[in-house]
PDB file of N, CA and C in Angstrom:
ATOM      1  N   UNK A   1      -5.482   4.237 -33.303  1.00  0.00           N
ATOM      2  CA  UNK A   1      -5.224   4.407 -31.888  1.00  0.00           C
ATOM      3  C   UNK A   1      -6.532   4.637 -31.140  1.00  0.00           C
ATOM      4  N   UNK A   2      -7.392   5.467 -31.703  1.00  0.00           N
ATOM      5  CA  UNK A   2      -8.665   5.770 -31.052  1.00  0.00           C
ATOM      6  C   UNK A   2      -9.544   4.529 -30.955  1.00  0.00           C
ATOM      7  N   UNK A   3      -9.480   3.675 -31.965  1.00  0.00           N
ATOM      8  CA  UNK A   3     -10.285   2.447 -31.919  1.00  0.00           C
ATOM      9  C   UNK A   3      -9.768   1.493 -30.843  1.00  0.00           C
ATOM     10  N   UNK A   4      -8.463   1.472 -30.625  1.00  0.00           N
ATOM     11  CA  UNK A   4      -7.897   0.628 -29.568  1.00  0.00           C
ATOM     12  C   UNK A   4      -8.354   1.113 -28.195  1.00  0.00           C
ATOM     13  N   UNK A   5      -8.346   2.432 -27.998  1.00  0.00           N
ATOM     14  CA  UNK A   5      -8.803   3.002 -26.726  1.00  0.00           C
ATOM     15  C   UNK A   5     -10.282   2.693 -26.523  1.00  0.00           C
ATOM     16  N   UNK A   6     -11.077   2.837 -27.562  1.00  0.00           N
ATOM     17  CA  UNK A   6     -12.504   2.561 -27.455  1.00  0.00           C
ATOM     18  C   UNK A   6     -12.763   1.087 -27.152  1.00  0.00           C
ATOM     19  N   UNK A   7     -11.962   0.195 -27.704  1.00  0.00           N
ATOM     20  CA  UNK A   7     -12.140  -1.237 -27.473  1.00  0.00           C
ATOM     21  C   UNK A   7     -11.711  -1.652 -26.074  1.00  0.00           C
ATOM     22  N   UNK A   8     -10.821  -0.884 -25.451  1.00  0.00           N
ATOM     23  CA  UNK A   8     -10.274  -1.255 -24.146  1.00  0.00           C
ATOM     24  C   UNK A   8     -10.610  -0.252 -23.049  1.00  0.00           C
ATOM     25  N   UNK A   9     -11.654   0.529 -23.216  1.00  0.00           N
ATOM     26  CA  UNK A   9     -11.962   1.590 -22.260  1.00  0.00           C
ATOM     27  C   UNK A   9     -12.258   1.033 -20.859  1.00  0.00           C
ATOM     28  N   UNK A  10     -12.903  -0.102 -20.774  1.00  0.00           N
ATOM     29  CA  UNK A  10     -13.202  -0.709 -19.474  1.00  0.00           C
ATOM     30  C   UNK A  10     -11.928  -1.078 -18.725  1.00  0.00           C
ATOM     31  N   UNK A  11     -11.003  -1.696 -19.421  1.00  0.00           N
ATOM     32  CA  UNK A  11      -9.723  -2.077 -18.822  1.00  0.00           C
ATOM     33  C   UNK A  11      -8.930  -0.847 -18.403  1.00  0.00           C
ATOM     34  N   UNK A  12      -8.963   0.185 -19.218  1.00  0.00           N
ATOM     35  CA  UNK A  12      -8.227   1.413 -18.905  1.00  0.00           C
ATOM     36  C   UNK A  12      -8.800   2.072 -17.654  1.00  0.00           C
ATOM     37  N   UNK A  13     -10.122   2.126 -17.554  1.00  0.00           N
ATOM     38  CA  UNK A  13     -10.759   2.753 -16.389  1.00  0.00           C
ATOM     39  C   UNK A  13     -10.445   1.973 -15.118  1.00  0.00           C
ATOM     40  N   UNK A  14     -10.547   0.650 -15.167  1.00  0.00           N
ATOM     41  CA  UNK A  14     -10.233  -0.177 -13.997  1.00  0.00           C
ATOM     42  C   UNK A  14      -8.781   0.002 -13.588  1.00  0.00           C
ATOM     43  N   UNK A  15      -7.872   0.063 -14.551  1.00  0.00           N
ATOM     44  CA  UNK A  15      -6.447   0.236 -14.262  1.00  0.00           C
ATOM     45  C   UNK A  15      -6.181   1.585 -13.593  1.00  0.00           C
ATOM     46  N   UNK A  16      -6.839   2.631 -14.079  1.00  0.00           N
ATOM     47  CA  UNK A  16      -6.665   3.962 -13.487  1.00  0.00           C
ATOM     48  C   UNK A  16      -7.198   3.981 -12.055  1.00  0.00           C
ATOM     49  N   UNK A  17      -8.340   3.344 -11.820  1.00  0.00           N
ATOM     50  CA  UNK A  17      -8.913   3.285 -10.467  1.00  0.00           C
ATOM     51  C   UNK A  17      -7.980   2.526  -9.528  1.00  0.00           C
ATOM     52  N   UNK A  18      -7.474   1.376  -9.979  1.00  0.00           N
ATOM     53  CA  UNK A  18      -6.568   0.591  -9.132  1.00  0.00           C
ATOM     54  C   UNK A  18      -5.269   1.337  -8.845  1.00  0.00           C
ATOM     55  N   UNK A  19      -4.744   2.043  -9.828  1.00  0.00           N
ATOM     56  CA  UNK A  19      -3.531   2.839  -9.599  1.00  0.00           C
ATOM     57  C   UNK A  19      -3.795   3.945  -8.581  1.00  0.00           C
ATOM     58  N   UNK A  20      -4.971   4.544  -8.626  1.00  0.00           N
ATOM     59  CA  UNK A  20      -5.334   5.567  -7.651  1.00  0.00           C
ATOM     60  C   UNK A  20      -5.436   5.001  -6.243  1.00  0.00           C
ATOM     61  N   UNK A  21      -6.015   3.817  -6.118  1.00  0.00           N
ATOM     62  CA  UNK A  21      -6.130   3.175  -4.803  1.00  0.00           C
ATOM     63  C   UNK A  21      -4.754   2.845  -4.252  1.00  0.00           C
ATOM     64  N   UNK A  22      -3.887   2.283  -5.078  1.00  0.00           N
ATOM     65  CA  UNK A  22      -2.525   1.945  -4.636  1.00  0.00           C
ATOM     66  C   UNK A  22      -1.764   3.208  -4.240  1.00  0.00           C
ATOM     67  N   UNK A  23      -1.895   4.283  -5.014  1.00  0.00           N
ATOM     68  CA  UNK A  23      -1.224   5.534  -4.675  1.00  0.00           C
ATOM     69  C   UNK A  23      -1.743   6.085  -3.351  1.00  0.00           C
ATOM     70  N   UNK A  24      -3.041   5.960  -3.106  1.00  0.00           N
ATOM     71  CA  UNK A  24      -3.617   6.404  -1.833  1.00  0.00           C
ATOM     72  C   UNK A  24      -3.094   5.609  -0.655  1.00  0.00           C
ATOM     73  N   UNK A  25      -2.993   4.305  -0.815  1.00  0.00           N
ATOM     74  CA  UNK A  25      -2.463   3.453   0.256  1.00  0.00           C
ATOM     75  C   UNK A  25      -1.013   3.806   0.547  1.00  0.00           C
ATOM     76  N   UNK A  26      -0.226   3.994  -0.487  1.00  0.00           N
ATOM     77  CA  UNK A  26       1.181   4.357  -0.293  1.00  0.00           C
ATOM     78  C   UNK A  26       1.287   5.706   0.403  1.00  0.00           C
ATOM     79  N   UNK A  27       0.443   6.659   0.034  1.00  0.00           N
ATOM     80  CA  UNK A  27       0.466   7.976   0.680  1.00  0.00           C
ATOM     81  C   UNK A  27       0.137   7.871   2.155  1.00  0.00           C
ATOM     82  N   UNK A  28      -0.842   7.047   2.515  1.00  0.00           N
ATOM     83  CA  UNK A  28      -1.195   6.864   3.927  1.00  0.00           C
ATOM     84  C   UNK A  28      -0.049   6.205   4.689  1.00  0.00           C
ATOM     85  N   UNK A  29       0.594   5.209   4.091  1.00  0.00           N
ATOM     86  CA  UNK A  29       1.712   4.543   4.752  1.00  0.00           C
ATOM     87  C   UNK A  29       2.873   5.506   4.982  1.00  0.00           C
ATOM     88  N   UNK A  30       3.162   6.350   4.002  1.00  0.00           N
ATOM     89  CA  UNK A  30       4.248   7.326   4.149  1.00  0.00           C
ATOM     90  C   UNK A  30       3.901   8.342   5.230  1.00  0.00           C
ATOM     91  N   UNK A  31       2.656   8.810   5.238  1.00  0.00           N
ATOM     92  CA  UNK A  31       2.221   9.774   6.249  1.00  0.00           C
ATOM     93  C   UNK A  31       2.305   9.172   7.648  1.00  0.00           C
ATOM     94  N   UNK A  32       1.849   7.932   7.801  1.00  0.00           N
ATOM     95  CA  UNK A  32       1.921   7.273   9.106  1.00  0.00           C
ATOM     96  C   UNK A  32       3.364   7.078   9.553  1.00  0.00           C
ATOM     97  N   UNK A  33       4.247   6.738   8.628  1.00  0.00           N
ATOM     98  CA  UNK A  33       5.659   6.545   8.983  1.00  0.00           C
ATOM     99  C   UNK A  33       6.275   7.854   9.460  1.00  0.00           C
ATOM    100  N   UNK A  34       5.931   8.971   8.809  1.00  0.00           N
ATOM    101  CA  UNK A  34       6.461  10.273   9.214  1.00  0.00           C
ATOM    102  C   UNK A  34       5.931  10.688  10.583  1.00  0.00           C
ATOM    103  N   UNK A  35       4.709  10.248  10.924  1.00  0.00           N
ATOM    104  CA  UNK A  35       4.120  10.569  12.227  1.00  0.00           C
ATOM    105  C   UNK A  35       4.614   9.630  13.323  1.00  0.00           C
ATOM    106  N   UNK A  36       5.362   8.609  12.943  1.00  0.00           N
ATOM    107  CA  UNK A  36       5.905   7.674  13.919  1.00  0.00           C
ATOM    108  C   UNK A  36       4.981   6.516  14.232  1.00  0.00           C
ATOM    109  N   UNK A  37       3.901   6.379  13.500  1.00  0.00           N
ATOM    110  CA  UNK A  37       2.991   5.260  13.718  1.00  0.00           C
ATOM    111  C   UNK A  37       3.610   4.000  13.140  1.00  0.00           C
ATOM    112  N   UNK A  38       3.197   2.870  13.672  1.00  0.00           N
ATOM    113  CA  UNK A  38       3.736   1.608  13.222  1.00  0.00           C
ATOM    114  C   UNK A  38       2.615   0.588  13.138  1.00  0.00           C
ATOM    115  N   UNK A  39       2.780  -0.396  12.289  1.00  0.00           N
ATOM    116  CA  UNK A  39       1.795  -1.472  12.193  1.00  0.00           C
ATOM    117  C   UNK A  39       2.100  -2.574  13.201  1.00  0.00           C
ATOM    118  N   UNK A  40       3.143  -2.402  13.968  1.00  0.00           N
ATOM    119  CA  UNK A  40       3.540  -3.390  14.957  1.00  0.00           C
ATOM    120  C   UNK A  40       2.540  -3.392  16.112  1.00  0.00           C
ATOM    121  N   UNK A  41       2.088  -4.578  16.482  1.00  0.00           N
ATOM    122  CA  UNK A  41       1.140  -4.692  17.590  1.00  0.00           C
ATOM    123  C   UNK A  41       1.832  -4.710  18.938  1.00  0.00           C
ATOM    124  N   UNK A  42       3.154  -4.867  18.953  1.00  0.00           N
ATOM    125  CA  UNK A  42       3.906  -4.869  20.196  1.00  0.00           C
ATOM    126  C   UNK A  42       3.969  -6.218  20.890  1.00  0.00           C
ATOM    127  N   UNK A  43       3.338  -7.237  20.342  1.00  0.00           N
ATOM    128  CA  UNK A  43       3.348  -8.570  20.934  1.00  0.00           C
ATOM    129  C   UNK A  43       4.413  -9.399  20.232  1.00  0.00           C
ATOM    130  N   UNK A  44       5.645  -9.258  20.669  1.00  0.00           N
ATOM    131  CA  UNK A  44       6.772  -9.899  19.985  1.00  0.00           C
ATOM    132  C   UNK A  44       6.827 -11.409  20.189  1.00  0.00           C
ATOM    133  N   UNK A  45       6.055 -11.938  21.114  1.00  0.00           N
ATOM    134  CA  UNK A  45       6.049 -13.379  21.350  1.00  0.00           C
ATOM    135  C   UNK A  45       5.502 -14.161  20.163  1.00  0.00           C
ATOM    136  N   UNK A  46       4.663 -13.533  19.373  1.00  0.00           N
ATOM    137  CA  UNK A  46       4.054 -14.211  18.236  1.00  0.00           C
ATOM    138  C   UNK A  46       4.616 -13.731  16.903  1.00  0.00           C
ATOM    139  N   UNK A  47       5.670 -12.937  16.940  1.00  0.00           N
ATOM    140  CA  UNK A  47       6.234 -12.370  15.716  1.00  0.00           C
ATOM    141  C   UNK A  47       7.537 -13.084  15.383  1.00  0.00           C
ATOM    142  N   UNK A  48       7.717 -13.537  14.145  1.00  0.00           N
ATOM    143  CA  UNK A  48       8.947 -14.236  13.780  1.00  0.00           C
ATOM    144  C   UNK A  48      10.181 -13.328  13.809  1.00  0.00           C
ATOM    145  N   UNK A  49      10.003 -12.026  13.701  1.00  0.00           N
ATOM    146  CA  UNK A  49      11.143 -11.106  13.754  1.00  0.00           C
ATOM    147  C   UNK A  49      11.128 -10.267  15.030  1.00  0.00           C
ATOM    148  N   UNK A  50      10.521 -10.785  16.067  1.00  0.00           N
ATOM    149  CA  UNK A  50      10.402 -10.042  17.330  1.00  0.00           C
ATOM    150  C   UNK A  50      11.727  -9.692  17.956  1.00  0.00           C
ATOM    151  N   UNK A  51      12.725 -10.519  17.811  1.00  0.00           N
ATOM    152  CA  UNK A  51      14.023 -10.238  18.390  1.00  0.00           C
ATOM    153  C   UNK A  51      14.839  -9.228  17.608  1.00  0.00           C
ATOM    154  N   UNK A  52      14.423  -8.937  16.397  1.00  0.00           N
ATOM    155  CA  UNK A  52      15.178  -8.024  15.542  1.00  0.00           C
ATOM    156  C   UNK A  52      14.689  -6.591  15.667  1.00  0.00           C
ATOM    157  N   UNK A  53      13.362  -6.397  15.650  1.00  0.00           N
ATOM    158  CA  UNK A  53      12.855  -5.029  15.563  1.00  0.00           C
ATOM    159  C   UNK A  53      12.863  -4.309  16.917  1.00  0.00           C
ATOM    160  N   UNK A  54      12.714  -5.018  18.006  1.00  0.00           N
ATOM    161  CA  UNK A  54      12.702  -4.395  19.329  1.00  0.00           C
ATOM    162  C   UNK A  54      13.865  -4.955  20.161  1.00  0.00           C
ATOM    163  N   UNK A  55      14.945  -4.226  20.204  1.00  0.00           N
ATOM    164  CA  UNK A  55      16.089  -4.683  21.005  1.00  0.00           C
ATOM    165  C   UNK A  55      15.750  -4.542  22.482  1.00  0.00           C
ATOM    166  N   UNK A  56      16.048  -5.557  23.233  1.00  0.00           N
ATOM    167  CA  UNK A  56      15.709  -5.547  24.660  1.00  0.00           C
ATOM    168  C   UNK A  56      16.922  -5.279  25.500  1.00  0.00           C
TER     169      UNK A  56
END
């Protein structure tokens, strides 16, 4: 088992870093959603779902 870890240490480190980045992004998205922030630019004329998200 130890030899497998030693042979793949680079892959393991990269995977841990990427998982940390993804977890950070998800945490920011959840925090922004709780604060009421949105990624919507408000320009529904150019959005394919403009008629769905903002009822007029």
